[in-house]
Structure formats: C-alpha cells, structure tokens
Amino acid sequence: MKIYHNLSDYKFNNKSILTLGTFDGVHLGHLRLLKKIVGDSKKEELESIVLTFFPHPRMVLQKDTDIKLLNSIDEKAQLLEVIGIDHLIIHPFNQEFSRLSAEDFVREILVEKLNIKKIVIGYDHRFGRNRTATIEDLIEFGKNYGFEVEQISAEEINDVAISSTKIRNSLKKGDVKQANKFLGYNYMISGNVISGKKIGRTIGFPTANIKINEDYKLVPKDGVYIVSSVINNTTVYGMMNIGKNPTFSENENSLEVYFFNLNKDLYGLNLTISFIERIRDEIKFKSIEELKNQIETDKKFSLSFLKIKNE
C-alpha cells in the first residue's frame, strides 16, 4: 500500500474506486465498505483508494472538543494495508479545506485529481462546506461527471450496529472486551519505553514505562489490564497498570507494563501494547507488602485466564 500525506502527492492517472471518511478504529462497521472497494478494484482493474483526513475534522471545526481517537495515523495505515487497500491518502484538514463546496470537491479532487470511476459510500454520508451535500447530491454529480456511486444501505450498516463512538465509550469505561468485539481486533496503544521511578523492580515486578507518542490517542480507563506485545517477533504477555500509582503518592498519570517471563532491557524500544482483558480498578494499598501480594494474585489470575483463553 502506498501512503500519501497530501492529495498533491498522488500522481496516478489510472481509473480508481474510492471511499472517504475518518475510519477511526478501522472497525467491523467499516469492513464491509472497505472490502467492497478492494474486491471491486480487482474485478474492474481499478486502483483502490481510501481518502481520509488529519486532524480529525471535529478537532478543527469544534475548538472545544475533547475527542480522543482510536487509531494513530500509523495504526490506521497498518490496518488498512492488511485489508488490501492500494492507496491511502491522508490529507491535511483545515479551515480552508472545510470551506470547499461540494461540487468543487467532487470536480477538483475526486474527478480531476483522483480520476474516480466509482465511489462507495455509506447511505448517511454528508460532505462539502458545512456538510450540506447528501448522497443524492453525490449521485447527481456522478451523472454529470461520469462516475458511479454505490451506497452501503442503512440495513447493511445497522445490521453491524458498530460505531467509533460506541468503541470510545466502551474504552472510557474500561470495557476492553466489548471494544475488542466491536473492533475485530485487540485495542492497542503504541509508545516508547522511557526511564521511570524503577519502583517495580525493587518489589520484584520490573515494569516498562510507556510514553504514548500522540496526545490525541485514547487511553482506556485507569486500572489493571491483561496485555500482550510483540518483541523480537515473539508475542509476550503481561499486565499493564494505567493510573497514578496511589500507593506511592504519585500524581502524574503513567502507563506501566510488567511482562511475564521476560528479562530484557526494553529502554528506547517502541512497543505496541494490545489490551486483552481488564482485571480491576487501581487501588491504594496500605503497604508495599499488600501491593506485592495483590500483584502476585493478579499475575496468577492473568496466567490462568490466558491459559483458558488459548485452549
């Protein structure tokens, strides 16, 4: 898959089939549409294109929004590549772009720049300045400019009943099991391993402190989770604590992961952590010994859970 960070970087003249949207999460609700353009592109010998935008339009148009996203740009690209998309265009979204009229957008970008033969879109998609243009307008533009419009019906979309908002709400509640069910994969965060307080190693549970690279990335609710990561091409499992380490009177939020049966210097590595199950809330313990006992209990539960899950 080829990735472009601006529409002007796309140079192909081949006819294309396209879909557009934010596709945050690249979840099961998106798959029918995405697989449709991949399948049709092969049948009709077209280039398959996903046109998406960054920052998220709500970040630009709603200055007071506190929206957090399910995917970083890199994560979204990885997920789309697995599906089989040929081209991913991540166009900068700004106020000027938002003021482009629907017809100018269709003519200048979809037709003249991307040379579309077909566009596949959700039944409720709106576009253009102030999002005033509807699917019916797009069909009329298609007749005028010579491209086909195929819409995914309300029945098809509602049959899946999944949205990025539902997934965000699940993660905010700590319900990673439900979020993973909606996504079709385990929710993940990525970041660099940085130096921490090194408290974990003093109590027999050395942790890797993760610094997320994107401040817009949604972090699940504080608590303790069963997680996994791939390190040196090997899947390793562990527990992640998200929160403030109240037993040690820490005030800053931190993400710390303890990997089972891993004795390796991880400093400087960029790790992707996948969430499997939430164990419990973060707790302030009366003593370090009480904390150690609880971590040992959590570890036994996690290993038992993973064994059952993998059987």
C-alpha atoms as a PDB file:
ATOM      1  CA  MET A   1       0.000   0.000   0.000  1.00  0.00           C
ATOM      2  CA  LYS A   2       1.273   3.456  -0.914  1.00  0.00           C
ATOM      3  CA  ILE A   3       0.730   6.271   1.580  1.00  0.00           C
ATOM      4  CA  TYR A   4       0.411   9.967   0.705  1.00  0.00           C
ATOM      5  CA  HIS A   5       0.234  12.804   3.211  1.00  0.00           C
ATOM      6  CA  ASN A   6      -1.303  15.260   0.778  1.00  0.00           C
ATOM      7  CA  LEU A   7      -3.608  14.985  -2.220  1.00  0.00           C
ATOM      8  CA  SER A   8      -0.962  16.702  -4.350  1.00  0.00           C
ATOM      9  CA  ASP A   9       1.381  13.725  -3.796  1.00  0.00           C
ATOM     10  CA  TYR A  10      -0.947  11.313  -5.623  1.00  0.00           C
ATOM     11  CA  LYS A  11       0.289  11.066  -9.237  1.00  0.00           C
ATOM     12  CA  PHE A  12      -1.553   8.054 -10.699  1.00  0.00           C
ATOM     13  CA  ASN A  13      -3.666   8.506 -13.841  1.00  0.00           C
ATOM     14  CA  ASN A  14      -5.323   5.082 -13.632  1.00  0.00           C
ATOM     15  CA  LYS A  15      -9.066   4.942 -13.035  1.00  0.00           C
ATOM     16  CA  SER A  16      -9.895   4.372  -9.382  1.00  0.00           C
ATOM     17  CA  ILE A  17     -12.540   3.238  -6.933  1.00  0.00           C
ATOM     18  CA  LEU A  18     -12.631   5.327  -3.779  1.00  0.00           C
ATOM     19  CA  THR A  19     -14.160   5.678  -0.370  1.00  0.00           C
ATOM     20  CA  LEU A  20     -13.618   8.504   2.077  1.00  0.00           C
ATOM     21  CA  GLY A  21     -14.068   9.197   5.761  1.00  0.00           C
ATOM     22  CA  THR A  22     -12.171   9.293   9.046  1.00  0.00           C
ATOM     23  CA  PHE A  23     -12.349   5.491   9.571  1.00  0.00           C
ATOM     24  CA  ASP A  24     -11.310   5.877  13.200  1.00  0.00           C
ATOM     25  CA  GLY A  25     -10.706   2.399  14.587  1.00  0.00           C
ATOM     26  CA  VAL A  26     -10.997   0.676  11.189  1.00  0.00           C
ATOM     27  CA  HIS A  27     -13.592  -1.440  12.984  1.00  0.00           C
ATOM     28  CA  LEU A  28     -16.006  -4.152  11.877  1.00  0.00           C
ATOM     29  CA  GLY A  29     -18.521  -1.500  10.861  1.00  0.00           C
ATOM     30  CA  HIS A  30     -16.033  -0.190   8.292  1.00  0.00           C
ATOM     31  CA  LEU A  31     -15.001  -3.562   6.898  1.00  0.00           C
ATOM     32  CA  ARG A  32     -17.953  -4.159   4.589  1.00  0.00           C
ATOM     33  CA  LEU A  33     -17.300  -0.895   2.783  1.00  0.00           C
ATOM     34  CA  LEU A  34     -13.521  -1.328   2.676  1.00  0.00           C
ATOM     35  CA  LYS A  35     -13.661  -4.930   1.482  1.00  0.00           C
ATOM     36  CA  LYS A  36     -16.166  -3.837  -1.150  1.00  0.00           C
ATOM     37  CA  ILE A  37     -13.759  -1.417  -2.794  1.00  0.00           C
ATOM     38  CA  VAL A  38     -10.887  -3.922  -2.595  1.00  0.00           C
ATOM     39  CA  GLY A  39     -12.992  -6.624  -4.229  1.00  0.00           C
ATOM     40  CA  ASP A  40     -14.381  -4.329  -6.936  1.00  0.00           C
ATOM     41  CA  SER A  41     -10.941  -2.877  -7.682  1.00  0.00           C
ATOM     42  CA  LYS A  42      -9.659  -6.356  -8.543  1.00  0.00           C
ATOM     43  CA  LYS A  43     -12.699  -7.256 -10.640  1.00  0.00           C
ATOM     44  CA  GLU A  44     -12.660  -3.994 -12.597  1.00  0.00           C
ATOM     45  CA  GLU A  45      -8.878  -3.430 -12.613  1.00  0.00           C
ATOM     46  CA  LEU A  46      -9.104  -0.152 -10.711  1.00  0.00           C
ATOM     47  CA  GLU A  47      -6.845   1.459  -8.121  1.00  0.00           C
ATOM     48  CA  SER A  48      -8.470   1.246  -4.657  1.00  0.00           C
ATOM     49  CA  ILE A  49      -8.163   4.494  -2.686  1.00  0.00           C
ATOM     50  CA  VAL A  50      -9.054   5.459   0.869  1.00  0.00           C
ATOM     51  CA  LEU A  51      -9.156   9.229   1.313  1.00  0.00           C
ATOM     52  CA  THR A  52      -9.034  10.249   4.956  1.00  0.00           C
ATOM     53  CA  PHE A  53      -8.164  13.417   6.824  1.00  0.00           C
ATOM     54  CA  PHE A  54      -5.968  14.562   9.674  1.00  0.00           C
ATOM     55  CA  PRO A  55      -6.524  16.211  12.084  1.00  0.00           C
ATOM     56  CA  HIS A  56      -9.979  14.772  12.664  1.00  0.00           C
ATOM     57  CA  PRO A  57     -12.473  17.370  11.322  1.00  0.00           C
ATOM     58  CA  ARG A  58     -14.036  17.781  14.775  1.00  0.00           C
ATOM     59  CA  MET A  59     -10.645  18.879  16.132  1.00  0.00           C
ATOM     60  CA  VAL A  60     -10.594  21.721  13.601  1.00  0.00           C
ATOM     61  CA  LEU A  61     -14.248  22.739  13.440  1.00  0.00           C
ATOM     62  CA  GLN A  62     -15.127  22.282  17.134  1.00  0.00           C
ATOM     63  CA  LYS A  63     -12.383  24.007  19.076  1.00  0.00           C
ATOM     64  CA  ASP A  64     -13.817  22.970  22.445  1.00  0.00           C
ATOM     65  CA  THR A  65     -13.927  19.265  21.545  1.00  0.00           C
ATOM     66  CA  ASP A  66     -12.030  16.813  23.721  1.00  0.00           C
ATOM     67  CA  ILE A  67     -12.339  13.931  21.266  1.00  0.00           C
ATOM     68  CA  LYS A  68      -9.703  11.218  21.536  1.00  0.00           C
ATOM     69  CA  LEU A  69      -9.040   8.879  18.629  1.00  0.00           C
ATOM     70  CA  LEU A  70      -8.877   5.094  18.469  1.00  0.00           C
ATOM     71  CA  ASN A  71      -6.002   4.994  15.977  1.00  0.00           C
ATOM     72  CA  SER A  72      -2.817   6.880  15.372  1.00  0.00           C
ATOM     73  CA  ILE A  73      -2.072   7.513  11.708  1.00  0.00           C
ATOM     74  CA  ASP A  74       0.455   4.654  11.682  1.00  0.00           C
ATOM     75  CA  GLU A  75      -2.016   2.219  13.271  1.00  0.00           C
ATOM     76  CA  LYS A  76      -4.718   3.161  10.773  1.00  0.00           C
ATOM     77  CA  ALA A  77      -2.307   2.626   7.885  1.00  0.00           C
ATOM     78  CA  GLN A  78      -1.314  -0.819   9.187  1.00  0.00           C
ATOM     79  CA  LEU A  79      -4.940  -1.898   9.490  1.00  0.00           C
ATOM     80  CA  LEU A  80      -5.876  -0.649   6.018  1.00  0.00           C
ATOM     81  CA  GLU A  81      -2.872  -2.334   4.455  1.00  0.00           C
ATOM     82  CA  VAL A  82      -3.940  -5.709   5.861  1.00  0.00           C
ATOM     83  CA  ILE A  83      -7.351  -5.260   4.209  1.00  0.00           C
ATOM     84  CA  GLY A  84      -5.632  -4.791   0.849  1.00  0.00           C
ATOM     85  CA  ILE A  85      -6.101  -1.101   0.016  1.00  0.00           C
ATOM     86  CA  ASP A  86      -3.774   0.125  -2.784  1.00  0.00           C
ATOM     87  CA  HIS A  87      -3.526   3.804  -1.818  1.00  0.00           C
ATOM     88  CA  LEU A  88      -4.088   5.681   1.443  1.00  0.00           C
ATOM     89  CA  ILE A  89      -4.282   9.461   1.139  1.00  0.00           C
ATOM     90  CA  ILE A  90      -4.136  11.336   4.463  1.00  0.00           C
ATOM     91  CA  HIS A  91      -4.985  14.902   3.506  1.00  0.00           C
ATOM     92  CA  PRO A  92      -4.488  17.779   5.986  1.00  0.00           C
ATOM     93  CA  PHE A  93      -7.853  19.038   7.207  1.00  0.00           C
ATOM     94  CA  ASN A  94      -8.014  22.765   7.911  1.00  0.00           C
ATOM     95  CA  GLN A  95     -10.481  25.637   7.812  1.00  0.00           C
ATOM     96  CA  GLU A  96      -9.698  26.415   4.177  1.00  0.00           C
ATOM     97  CA  PHE A  97     -10.349  22.829   3.095  1.00  0.00           C
ATOM     98  CA  SER A  98     -13.594  22.748   5.096  1.00  0.00           C
ATOM     99  CA  ARG A  99     -14.920  25.691   3.063  1.00  0.00           C
ATOM    100  CA  LEU A 100     -14.564  23.857  -0.253  1.00  0.00           C
ATOM    101  CA  SER A 101     -18.004  23.489  -1.839  1.00  0.00           C
ATOM    102  CA  ALA A 102     -19.363  20.018  -2.531  1.00  0.00           C
ATOM    103  CA  GLU A 103     -19.176  20.429  -6.309  1.00  0.00           C
ATOM    104  CA  ASP A 104     -15.649  21.872  -6.205  1.00  0.00           C
ATOM    105  CA  PHE A 105     -14.593  18.940  -4.036  1.00  0.00           C
ATOM    106  CA  VAL A 106     -16.102  16.444  -6.472  1.00  0.00           C
ATOM    107  CA  ARG A 107     -14.766  18.115  -9.608  1.00  0.00           C
ATOM    108  CA  GLU A 108     -11.290  19.208  -8.463  1.00  0.00           C
ATOM    109  CA  ILE A 109     -10.406  16.302  -6.186  1.00  0.00           C
ATOM    110  CA  LEU A 110     -12.463  13.222  -6.959  1.00  0.00           C
ATOM    111  CA  VAL A 111     -12.642  13.653 -10.729  1.00  0.00           C
ATOM    112  CA  GLU A 112      -9.655  15.727 -11.867  1.00  0.00           C
ATOM    113  CA  LYS A 113      -7.149  14.600  -9.237  1.00  0.00           C
ATOM    114  CA  LEU A 114      -8.152  11.038  -8.332  1.00  0.00           C
ATOM    115  CA  ASN A 115      -9.821  10.047 -11.605  1.00  0.00           C
ATOM    116  CA  ILE A 116     -12.564   8.037  -9.940  1.00  0.00           C
ATOM    117  CA  LYS A 117     -14.752   5.612 -11.840  1.00  0.00           C
ATOM    118  CA  LYS A 118     -16.707   4.630  -8.740  1.00  0.00           C
ATOM    119  CA  ILE A 119     -17.183   5.849  -5.183  1.00  0.00           C
ATOM    120  CA  VAL A 120     -18.551   3.598  -2.439  1.00  0.00           C
ATOM    121  CA  ILE A 121     -20.059   5.442   0.494  1.00  0.00           C
ATOM    122  CA  GLY A 122     -22.346   4.993   3.495  1.00  0.00           C
ATOM    123  CA  TYR A 123     -26.006   5.923   2.994  1.00  0.00           C
ATOM    124  CA  ASP A 124     -25.815   8.795   5.509  1.00  0.00           C
ATOM    125  CA  HIS A 125     -22.541  10.359   4.320  1.00  0.00           C
ATOM    126  CA  ARG A 126     -22.543  14.164   4.066  1.00  0.00           C
ATOM    127  CA  PHE A 127     -19.793  16.296   2.581  1.00  0.00           C
ATOM    128  CA  GLY A 128     -18.804  19.718   1.284  1.00  0.00           C
ATOM    129  CA  ARG A 129     -18.972  23.075   3.051  1.00  0.00           C
ATOM    130  CA  ASN A 130     -20.951  22.711   6.297  1.00  0.00           C
ATOM    131  CA  ARG A 131     -21.611  19.075   5.303  1.00  0.00           C
ATOM    132  CA  THR A 132     -24.712  20.145   3.386  1.00  0.00           C
ATOM    133  CA  ALA A 133     -24.352  17.772   0.394  1.00  0.00           C
ATOM    134  CA  THR A 134     -26.044  14.372   0.646  1.00  0.00           C
ATOM    135  CA  ILE A 135     -25.773  11.025  -1.106  1.00  0.00           C
ATOM    136  CA  GLU A 136     -28.469  12.221  -3.534  1.00  0.00           C
ATOM    137  CA  ASP A 137     -26.277  15.200  -4.473  1.00  0.00           C
ATOM    138  CA  LEU A 138     -23.331  12.867  -4.985  1.00  0.00           C
ATOM    139  CA  ILE A 139     -25.390  10.676  -7.319  1.00  0.00           C
ATOM    140  CA  GLU A 140     -26.257  13.766  -9.397  1.00  0.00           C
ATOM    141  CA  PHE A 141     -22.591  14.778  -9.520  1.00  0.00           C
ATOM    142  CA  GLY A 142     -21.808  11.243 -10.668  1.00  0.00           C
ATOM    143  CA  LYS A 143     -24.201  11.594 -13.589  1.00  0.00           C
ATOM    144  CA  ASN A 144     -22.654  14.936 -14.547  1.00  0.00           C
ATOM    145  CA  TYR A 145     -19.006  13.907 -14.187  1.00  0.00           C
ATOM    146  CA  GLY A 146     -19.196  10.298 -15.277  1.00  0.00           C
ATOM    147  CA  PHE A 147     -18.649   8.172 -12.188  1.00  0.00           C
ATOM    148  CA  GLU A 148     -20.748   5.567 -10.411  1.00  0.00           C
ATOM    149  CA  VAL A 149     -21.992   5.968  -6.853  1.00  0.00           C
ATOM    150  CA  GLU A 150     -22.634   2.863  -4.770  1.00  0.00           C
ATOM    151  CA  GLN A 151     -24.043   3.294  -1.316  1.00  0.00           C
ATOM    152  CA  ILE A 152     -23.930   0.892   1.591  1.00  0.00           C
ATOM    153  CA  SER A 153     -27.545   0.689   2.720  1.00  0.00           C
ATOM    154  CA  ALA A 154     -28.916   1.583   6.137  1.00  0.00           C
ATOM    155  CA  GLU A 155     -29.852  -2.069   6.624  1.00  0.00           C
ATOM    156  CA  GLU A 156     -26.291  -3.230   5.955  1.00  0.00           C
ATOM    157  CA  ILE A 157     -24.767  -0.640   8.308  1.00  0.00           C
ATOM    158  CA  ASN A 158     -27.358  -1.028  11.062  1.00  0.00           C
ATOM    159  CA  ASP A 159     -27.002  -4.803  10.861  1.00  0.00           C
ATOM    160  CA  VAL A 160     -23.470  -4.365  12.212  1.00  0.00           C
ATOM    161  CA  ALA A 161     -24.535  -1.671  14.729  1.00  0.00           C
ATOM    162  CA  ILE A 162     -20.994  -0.546  15.443  1.00  0.00           C
ATOM    163  CA  SER A 163     -19.608   2.970  15.628  1.00  0.00           C
ATOM    164  CA  SER A 164     -16.346   4.600  16.659  1.00  0.00           C
ATOM    165  CA  THR A 165     -18.292   6.472  19.354  1.00  0.00           C
ATOM    166  CA  LYS A 166     -19.548   3.208  20.895  1.00  0.00           C
ATOM    167  CA  ILE A 167     -15.979   1.886  20.970  1.00  0.00           C
ATOM    168  CA  ARG A 168     -14.646   5.062  22.577  1.00  0.00           C
ATOM    169  CA  ASN A 169     -17.351   4.878  25.245  1.00  0.00           C
ATOM    170  CA  SER A 170     -16.506   1.233  25.977  1.00  0.00           C
ATOM    171  CA  LEU A 171     -12.827   2.068  26.435  1.00  0.00           C
ATOM    172  CA  LYS A 172     -13.624   5.036  28.673  1.00  0.00           C
ATOM    173  CA  LYS A 173     -15.496   2.597  30.919  1.00  0.00           C
ATOM    174  CA  GLY A 174     -12.600   0.130  30.793  1.00  0.00           C
ATOM    175  CA  ASP A 175     -14.655  -2.428  28.885  1.00  0.00           C
ATOM    176  CA  VAL A 176     -11.896  -3.540  26.507  1.00  0.00           C
ATOM    177  CA  LYS A 177     -13.663  -6.859  25.934  1.00  0.00           C
ATOM    178  CA  GLN A 178     -16.618  -5.060  24.343  1.00  0.00           C
ATOM    179  CA  ALA A 179     -14.353  -2.649  22.461  1.00  0.00           C
ATOM    180  CA  ASN A 180     -12.341  -5.545  21.030  1.00  0.00           C
ATOM    181  CA  LYS A 181     -15.548  -7.256  19.937  1.00  0.00           C
ATOM    182  CA  PHE A 182     -16.584  -4.132  18.022  1.00  0.00           C
ATOM    183  CA  LEU A 183     -13.118  -3.594  16.560  1.00  0.00           C
ATOM    184  CA  GLY A 184     -12.485  -7.150  15.445  1.00  0.00           C
ATOM    185  CA  TYR A 185      -9.004  -6.971  16.978  1.00  0.00           C
ATOM    186  CA  ASN A 186      -7.476  -6.101  20.353  1.00  0.00           C
ATOM    187  CA  TYR A 187      -7.324  -2.375  21.052  1.00  0.00           C
ATOM    188  CA  MET A 188      -3.748  -1.119  21.065  1.00  0.00           C
ATOM    189  CA  ILE A 189      -1.564   1.758  22.111  1.00  0.00           C
ATOM    190  CA  SER A 190       1.976   2.413  20.946  1.00  0.00           C
ATOM    191  CA  GLY A 191       4.799   4.317  22.572  1.00  0.00           C
ATOM    192  CA  ASN A 192       8.432   4.469  23.583  1.00  0.00           C
ATOM    193  CA  VAL A 193       9.800   2.766  26.681  1.00  0.00           C
ATOM    194  CA  ILE A 194      11.211   5.510  28.891  1.00  0.00           C
ATOM    195  CA  SER A 195      13.026   5.595  32.202  1.00  0.00           C
ATOM    196  CA  GLY A 196      10.704   5.618  35.209  1.00  0.00           C
ATOM    197  CA  LYS A 197      10.970   5.579  39.007  1.00  0.00           C
ATOM    198  CA  LYS A 198      12.193   1.953  38.893  1.00  0.00           C
ATOM    199  CA  ILE A 199       9.921   1.122  41.818  1.00  0.00           C
ATOM    200  CA  GLY A 200       8.617  -2.047  40.175  1.00  0.00           C
ATOM    201  CA  ARG A 201      11.997  -3.750  40.104  1.00  0.00           C
ATOM    202  CA  THR A 202      12.511  -3.110  43.833  1.00  0.00           C
ATOM    203  CA  ILE A 203       9.424  -5.195  44.631  1.00  0.00           C
ATOM    204  CA  GLY A 204      10.130  -7.963  42.119  1.00  0.00           C
ATOM    205  CA  PHE A 205       7.922  -6.770  39.253  1.00  0.00           C
ATOM    206  CA  PRO A 206      10.038  -4.669  36.869  1.00  0.00           C
ATOM    207  CA  THR A 207       7.887  -2.547  34.586  1.00  0.00           C
ATOM    208  CA  ALA A 208       8.375  -0.775  31.280  1.00  0.00           C
ATOM    209  CA  ASN A 209       7.060   2.783  31.323  1.00  0.00           C
ATOM    210  CA  ILE A 210       5.303   3.663  28.071  1.00  0.00           C
ATOM    211  CA  LYS A 211       5.159   7.200  26.710  1.00  0.00           C
ATOM    212  CA  ILE A 212       2.480   7.476  24.023  1.00  0.00           C
ATOM    213  CA  ASN A 213       3.630   9.500  21.050  1.00  0.00           C
ATOM    214  CA  GLU A 214       0.263  11.061  20.164  1.00  0.00           C
ATOM    215  CA  ASP A 215      -1.632  13.210  22.651  1.00  0.00           C
ATOM    216  CA  TYR A 216      -4.884  12.597  20.744  1.00  0.00           C
ATOM    217  CA  LYS A 217      -4.772   8.821  21.331  1.00  0.00           C
ATOM    218  CA  LEU A 218      -7.478   7.421  23.603  1.00  0.00           C
ATOM    219  CA  VAL A 219      -6.151   5.609  26.675  1.00  0.00           C
ATOM    220  CA  PRO A 220      -8.559   3.176  28.383  1.00  0.00           C
ATOM    221  CA  LYS A 221      -9.916   3.877  31.863  1.00  0.00           C
ATOM    222  CA  ASP A 222      -7.433   3.692  34.747  1.00  0.00           C
ATOM    223  CA  GLY A 223      -6.918   0.199  36.092  1.00  0.00           C
ATOM    224  CA  VAL A 224      -5.021  -3.056  35.615  1.00  0.00           C
ATOM    225  CA  TYR A 225      -5.244  -4.957  32.327  1.00  0.00           C
ATOM    226  CA  ILE A 226      -4.003  -8.187  30.785  1.00  0.00           C
ATOM    227  CA  VAL A 227      -1.999  -7.186  27.706  1.00  0.00           C
ATOM    228  CA  SER A 228       0.294  -8.535  25.026  1.00  0.00           C
ATOM    229  CA  SER A 229       3.051  -7.206  22.799  1.00  0.00           C
ATOM    230  CA  VAL A 230       5.316  -8.497  20.064  1.00  0.00           C
ATOM    231  CA  ILE A 231       9.004  -8.143  20.966  1.00  0.00           C
ATOM    232  CA  ASN A 232      11.655  -9.521  18.618  1.00  0.00           C
ATOM    233  CA  ASN A 233       8.952 -11.323  16.629  1.00  0.00           C
ATOM    234  CA  THR A 234       7.710 -13.122  19.750  1.00  0.00           C
ATOM    235  CA  THR A 235       4.363 -12.500  21.440  1.00  0.00           C
ATOM    236  CA  VAL A 236       4.791 -11.807  25.140  1.00  0.00           C
ATOM    237  CA  TYR A 237       2.078 -11.335  27.747  1.00  0.00           C
ATOM    238  CA  GLY A 238       1.863  -9.200  30.824  1.00  0.00           C
ATOM    239  CA  MET A 239      -0.134  -6.750  32.912  1.00  0.00           C
ATOM    240  CA  MET A 240      -0.444  -3.013  32.412  1.00  0.00           C
ATOM    241  CA  ASN A 241      -1.316  -0.503  35.097  1.00  0.00           C
ATOM    242  CA  ILE A 242      -2.866   2.762  33.944  1.00  0.00           C
ATOM    243  CA  GLY A 243      -3.160   5.460  36.578  1.00  0.00           C
ATOM    244  CA  LYS A 244      -1.317   7.445  39.234  1.00  0.00           C
ATOM    245  CA  ASN A 245       0.335   4.760  41.428  1.00  0.00           C
ATOM    246  CA  PRO A 246      -1.550   5.955  44.537  1.00  0.00           C
ATOM    247  CA  THR A 247       0.327   3.582  46.883  1.00  0.00           C
ATOM    248  CA  PHE A 248       3.467   5.627  46.243  1.00  0.00           C
ATOM    249  CA  SER A 249       1.702   9.018  46.284  1.00  0.00           C
ATOM    250  CA  GLU A 250       2.466   9.639  42.625  1.00  0.00           C
ATOM    251  CA  ASN A 251       0.452  12.383  40.962  1.00  0.00           C
ATOM    252  CA  GLU A 252       1.283  12.011  37.278  1.00  0.00           C
ATOM    253  CA  ASN A 253      -0.560   9.545  35.075  1.00  0.00           C
ATOM    254  CA  SER A 254       1.586   6.665  33.921  1.00  0.00           C
ATOM    255  CA  LEU A 255       1.327   3.539  31.811  1.00  0.00           C
ATOM    256  CA  GLU A 256       3.476   0.706  33.133  1.00  0.00           C
ATOM    257  CA  VAL A 257       3.602  -2.830  31.814  1.00  0.00           C
ATOM    258  CA  TYR A 258       5.067  -5.867  33.549  1.00  0.00           C
ATOM    259  CA  PHE A 259       5.820  -8.723  31.149  1.00  0.00           C
ATOM    260  CA  PHE A 260       5.737 -12.310  32.386  1.00  0.00           C
ATOM    261  CA  ASN A 261       8.940 -14.310  31.965  1.00  0.00           C
ATOM    262  CA  LEU A 262      10.821 -11.542  30.177  1.00  0.00           C
ATOM    263  CA  ASN A 263      14.261 -10.472  31.344  1.00  0.00           C
ATOM    264  CA  LYS A 264      15.291  -7.910  28.763  1.00  0.00           C
ATOM    265  CA  ASP A 265      16.320  -4.261  28.611  1.00  0.00           C
ATOM    266  CA  LEU A 266      13.455  -2.542  26.784  1.00  0.00           C
ATOM    267  CA  TYR A 267      14.568   1.094  27.110  1.00  0.00           C
ATOM    268  CA  GLY A 268      14.273   3.019  23.869  1.00  0.00           C
ATOM    269  CA  LEU A 269      12.088   0.437  22.132  1.00  0.00           C
ATOM    270  CA  ASN A 270       8.801   1.448  20.560  1.00  0.00           C
ATOM    271  CA  LEU A 271       6.216  -1.080  21.698  1.00  0.00           C
ATOM    272  CA  THR A 272       2.650  -1.733  20.649  1.00  0.00           C
ATOM    273  CA  ILE A 273       0.578  -2.928  23.598  1.00  0.00           C
ATOM    274  CA  SER A 274      -2.662  -4.812  22.900  1.00  0.00           C
ATOM    275  CA  PHE A 275      -5.401  -4.982  25.546  1.00  0.00           C
ATOM    276  CA  ILE A 276      -6.979  -8.356  26.264  1.00  0.00           C
ATOM    277  CA  GLU A 277      -8.991  -8.026  29.493  1.00  0.00           C
ATOM    278  CA  ARG A 278      -9.454  -5.620  32.408  1.00  0.00           C
ATOM    279  CA  ILE A 279      -8.657  -7.122  35.808  1.00  0.00           C
ATOM    280  CA  ARG A 280      -9.554  -4.442  38.340  1.00  0.00           C
ATOM    281  CA  ASP A 281      -9.506  -0.771  39.329  1.00  0.00           C
ATOM    282  CA  GLU A 282      -6.323   0.867  40.505  1.00  0.00           C
ATOM    283  CA  ILE A 283      -6.141   0.641  44.312  1.00  0.00           C
ATOM    284  CA  LYS A 284      -4.205   2.483  47.020  1.00  0.00           C
ATOM    285  CA  PHE A 285      -2.688  -0.170  49.295  1.00  0.00           C
ATOM    286  CA  LYS A 286      -1.775   0.294  52.944  1.00  0.00           C
ATOM    287  CA  SER A 287       1.686  -1.209  52.491  1.00  0.00           C
ATOM    288  CA  ILE A 288       4.137  -2.309  49.818  1.00  0.00           C
ATOM    289  CA  GLU A 289       3.725  -5.885  51.016  1.00  0.00           C
ATOM    290  CA  GLU A 290      -0.027  -5.680  50.419  1.00  0.00           C
ATOM    291  CA  LEU A 291       0.671  -4.313  46.922  1.00  0.00           C
ATOM    292  CA  LYS A 292       3.091  -7.163  46.160  1.00  0.00           C
ATOM    293  CA  ASN A 293       0.537  -9.736  47.260  1.00  0.00           C
ATOM    294  CA  GLN A 294      -2.120  -8.182  45.028  1.00  0.00           C
ATOM    295  CA  ILE A 295       0.193  -8.102  42.004  1.00  0.00           C
ATOM    296  CA  GLU A 296       1.002 -11.769  42.576  1.00  0.00           C
ATOM    297  CA  THR A 297      -2.726 -12.517  42.731  1.00  0.00           C
ATOM    298  CA  ASP A 298      -3.281 -10.524  39.532  1.00  0.00           C
ATOM    299  CA  LYS A 299      -0.464 -12.424  37.837  1.00  0.00           C
ATOM    300  CA  LYS A 300      -1.914 -15.813  38.766  1.00  0.00           C
ATOM    301  CA  PHE A 301      -5.332 -14.738  37.518  1.00  0.00           C
ATOM    302  CA  SER A 302      -3.850 -13.432  34.262  1.00  0.00           C
ATOM    303  CA  LEU A 303      -1.877 -16.596  33.543  1.00  0.00           C
ATOM    304  CA  SER A 304      -4.940 -18.725  34.274  1.00  0.00           C
ATOM    305  CA  PHE A 305      -7.105 -16.501  32.063  1.00  0.00           C
ATOM    306  CA  LEU A 306      -4.620 -16.689  29.185  1.00  0.00           C
ATOM    307  CA  LYS A 307      -4.337 -20.463  29.514  1.00  0.00           C
ATOM    308  CA  ILE A 308      -8.099 -20.909  29.341  1.00  0.00           C
ATOM    309  CA  LYS A 309      -8.402 -18.399  26.501  1.00  0.00           C
ATOM    310  CA  ASN A 310      -5.762 -20.192  24.431  1.00  0.00           C
ATOM    311  CA  GLU A 311      -7.066 -23.702  24.996  1.00  0.00           C
END
